[in-house]
N, C-alpha and C. Protein backbone atom coordinates (compact mmCIF):
# COMPACT_ATOMS: atom_id res chain seq x y z
N MET A 1 56.00 -95.67 -26.24
CA MET A 1 57.31 -95.64 -26.84
C MET A 1 57.27 -94.68 -28.02
N LYS A 2 58.33 -93.90 -28.18
CA LYS A 2 58.42 -92.96 -29.30
C LYS A 2 59.26 -93.58 -30.41
N ILE A 3 58.73 -93.52 -31.61
CA ILE A 3 59.41 -94.06 -32.79
C ILE A 3 59.51 -92.96 -33.84
N THR A 4 60.63 -92.87 -34.52
CA THR A 4 60.81 -91.91 -35.61
C THR A 4 60.89 -92.67 -36.93
N ALA A 5 60.03 -92.28 -37.86
CA ALA A 5 60.06 -92.84 -39.22
C ALA A 5 60.89 -91.90 -40.09
N ILE A 6 61.72 -92.48 -40.94
CA ILE A 6 62.59 -91.69 -41.80
C ILE A 6 62.19 -91.92 -43.25
N TYR A 7 62.04 -90.82 -43.98
CA TYR A 7 61.64 -90.86 -45.39
C TYR A 7 62.68 -90.11 -46.21
N GLN A 8 62.95 -90.61 -47.42
CA GLN A 8 63.90 -89.96 -48.32
C GLN A 8 63.16 -89.52 -49.57
N ARG A 9 63.46 -88.33 -50.05
CA ARG A 9 62.83 -87.83 -51.27
C ARG A 9 63.21 -88.74 -52.44
N LYS A 10 62.24 -89.05 -53.28
CA LYS A 10 62.50 -89.91 -54.45
C LYS A 10 63.56 -89.25 -55.32
N GLY A 11 64.54 -90.04 -55.72
CA GLY A 11 65.59 -89.54 -56.61
C GLY A 11 66.73 -88.83 -55.90
N ALA A 12 66.65 -88.68 -54.58
CA ALA A 12 67.72 -88.00 -53.84
C ALA A 12 68.93 -88.91 -53.73
N ASN A 13 70.10 -88.32 -53.81
CA ASN A 13 71.34 -89.06 -53.66
C ASN A 13 71.60 -89.26 -52.17
N PRO A 14 71.62 -90.52 -51.69
CA PRO A 14 71.80 -90.75 -50.26
C PRO A 14 73.18 -90.36 -49.73
N PHE A 15 74.12 -90.09 -50.63
CA PHE A 15 75.47 -89.72 -50.21
C PHE A 15 75.69 -88.20 -50.24
N LEU A 16 74.74 -87.46 -50.78
CA LEU A 16 74.81 -86.00 -50.81
C LEU A 16 73.56 -85.46 -50.14
N GLU A 17 73.60 -85.38 -48.83
CA GLU A 17 72.42 -84.95 -48.08
C GLU A 17 72.22 -83.44 -48.21
N ARG A 18 71.06 -83.06 -48.70
CA ARG A 18 70.69 -81.65 -48.83
C ARG A 18 69.39 -81.40 -48.08
N GLU A 19 69.13 -80.16 -47.76
CA GLU A 19 67.91 -79.81 -47.05
C GLU A 19 66.70 -80.26 -47.87
N GLY A 20 65.79 -80.94 -47.22
CA GLY A 20 64.59 -81.41 -47.89
C GLY A 20 64.70 -82.82 -48.46
N ASP A 21 65.90 -83.38 -48.45
CA ASP A 21 66.08 -84.74 -48.97
C ASP A 21 65.46 -85.78 -48.03
N TYR A 22 65.41 -85.46 -46.73
CA TYR A 22 64.89 -86.40 -45.74
C TYR A 22 63.83 -85.73 -44.89
N LYS A 23 62.85 -86.53 -44.48
CA LYS A 23 61.86 -86.10 -43.50
C LYS A 23 61.88 -87.10 -42.38
N ARG A 24 61.75 -86.60 -41.17
CA ARG A 24 61.68 -87.45 -39.99
C ARG A 24 60.39 -87.10 -39.27
N VAL A 25 59.60 -88.13 -38.97
CA VAL A 25 58.32 -87.95 -38.28
C VAL A 25 58.33 -88.83 -37.04
N THR A 26 58.13 -88.21 -35.88
CA THR A 26 58.14 -88.95 -34.62
C THR A 26 56.72 -89.11 -34.12
N GLY A 27 56.41 -90.33 -33.68
CA GLY A 27 55.08 -90.61 -33.14
C GLY A 27 55.18 -91.52 -31.93
N ARG A 28 54.10 -91.60 -31.20
CA ARG A 28 54.03 -92.47 -30.02
C ARG A 28 53.27 -93.74 -30.39
N VAL A 29 53.84 -94.88 -30.00
CA VAL A 29 53.26 -96.18 -30.31
C VAL A 29 52.97 -96.89 -28.99
N PRO A 30 51.75 -97.42 -28.83
CA PRO A 30 51.43 -98.13 -27.59
C PRO A 30 52.32 -99.37 -27.40
N ALA A 31 52.57 -99.71 -26.17
CA ALA A 31 53.34 -100.92 -25.87
C ALA A 31 52.63 -102.14 -26.45
N GLY A 32 53.38 -103.10 -26.89
CA GLY A 32 52.79 -104.32 -27.42
C GLY A 32 52.80 -104.41 -28.93
N TYR A 33 53.06 -103.30 -29.62
CA TYR A 33 53.15 -103.35 -31.08
C TYR A 33 54.49 -103.96 -31.47
N ASP A 34 54.49 -104.79 -32.50
CA ASP A 34 55.77 -105.32 -32.96
C ASP A 34 56.29 -104.48 -34.12
N VAL A 35 57.52 -104.71 -34.51
CA VAL A 35 58.18 -103.89 -35.53
C VAL A 35 57.42 -103.93 -36.85
N ASP A 36 56.88 -105.08 -37.22
CA ASP A 36 56.14 -105.20 -38.49
C ASP A 36 54.91 -104.31 -38.50
N GLU A 37 54.19 -104.24 -37.38
CA GLU A 37 53.01 -103.37 -37.30
C GLU A 37 53.41 -101.90 -37.40
N ILE A 38 54.43 -101.53 -36.68
CA ILE A 38 54.89 -100.14 -36.69
C ILE A 38 55.36 -99.76 -38.09
N GLU A 39 56.12 -100.64 -38.73
CA GLU A 39 56.61 -100.39 -40.09
C GLU A 39 55.44 -100.25 -41.07
N HIS A 40 54.43 -101.07 -40.92
CA HIS A 40 53.25 -100.99 -41.78
C HIS A 40 52.60 -99.61 -41.69
N TYR A 41 52.42 -99.11 -40.46
CA TYR A 41 51.82 -97.78 -40.29
C TYR A 41 52.73 -96.68 -40.85
N ALA A 42 54.03 -96.81 -40.65
CA ALA A 42 54.97 -95.80 -41.16
C ALA A 42 54.95 -95.77 -42.69
N ILE A 43 54.90 -96.94 -43.32
CA ILE A 43 54.85 -96.99 -44.79
C ILE A 43 53.55 -96.38 -45.30
N ALA A 44 52.45 -96.66 -44.62
CA ALA A 44 51.15 -96.11 -45.03
C ALA A 44 51.12 -94.58 -44.91
N ALA A 45 51.96 -94.02 -44.04
CA ALA A 45 51.98 -92.57 -43.82
C ALA A 45 53.06 -91.87 -44.64
N THR A 46 53.67 -92.54 -45.59
CA THR A 46 54.75 -91.95 -46.38
C THR A 46 54.25 -90.71 -47.13
N PRO A 47 54.93 -89.58 -46.94
CA PRO A 47 54.53 -88.35 -47.64
C PRO A 47 54.70 -88.51 -49.16
N ILE A 48 53.88 -87.81 -49.91
CA ILE A 48 53.95 -87.84 -51.38
C ILE A 48 55.32 -87.33 -51.82
N GLY A 49 55.94 -88.07 -52.74
CA GLY A 49 57.24 -87.69 -53.26
C GLY A 49 58.41 -88.26 -52.47
N TYR A 50 58.12 -89.05 -51.44
CA TYR A 50 59.17 -89.64 -50.61
C TYR A 50 59.01 -91.15 -50.58
N VAL A 51 60.07 -91.85 -50.17
CA VAL A 51 60.03 -93.29 -49.96
C VAL A 51 60.43 -93.57 -48.51
N PHE A 52 59.86 -94.61 -47.95
CA PHE A 52 60.16 -95.00 -46.58
C PHE A 52 61.57 -95.58 -46.52
N VAL A 53 62.38 -95.11 -45.54
CA VAL A 53 63.75 -95.57 -45.39
C VAL A 53 63.89 -96.49 -44.18
N GLY A 54 63.31 -96.11 -43.06
CA GLY A 54 63.46 -96.95 -41.88
C GLY A 54 62.88 -96.32 -40.63
N LEU A 55 63.09 -97.03 -39.53
CA LEU A 55 62.60 -96.59 -38.23
C LEU A 55 63.77 -96.49 -37.26
N GLU A 56 63.62 -95.61 -36.28
CA GLU A 56 64.56 -95.58 -35.17
C GLU A 56 63.79 -95.23 -33.91
N ARG A 57 64.27 -95.74 -32.82
CA ARG A 57 63.62 -95.47 -31.54
C ARG A 57 64.03 -94.08 -31.05
N ALA A 58 63.05 -93.28 -30.71
CA ALA A 58 63.32 -91.92 -30.20
C ALA A 58 63.30 -91.95 -28.68
N GLU A 59 64.09 -91.15 -28.06
CA GLU A 59 64.13 -91.12 -26.60
C GLU A 59 63.30 -90.00 -26.07
């Protein structure tokens, strides 16, 4: 399954989206992982200067 993690730059205004305010990283997760495990890995991989926003399923 493909999952996309979304990160927002620290201090960015979520209502004024500008280039570089968000990063999206897509990865493949083996079947059987639950949302908490996937979220844990996504948070651990947060780029410097960004905060974890959420996950979405990629097709």
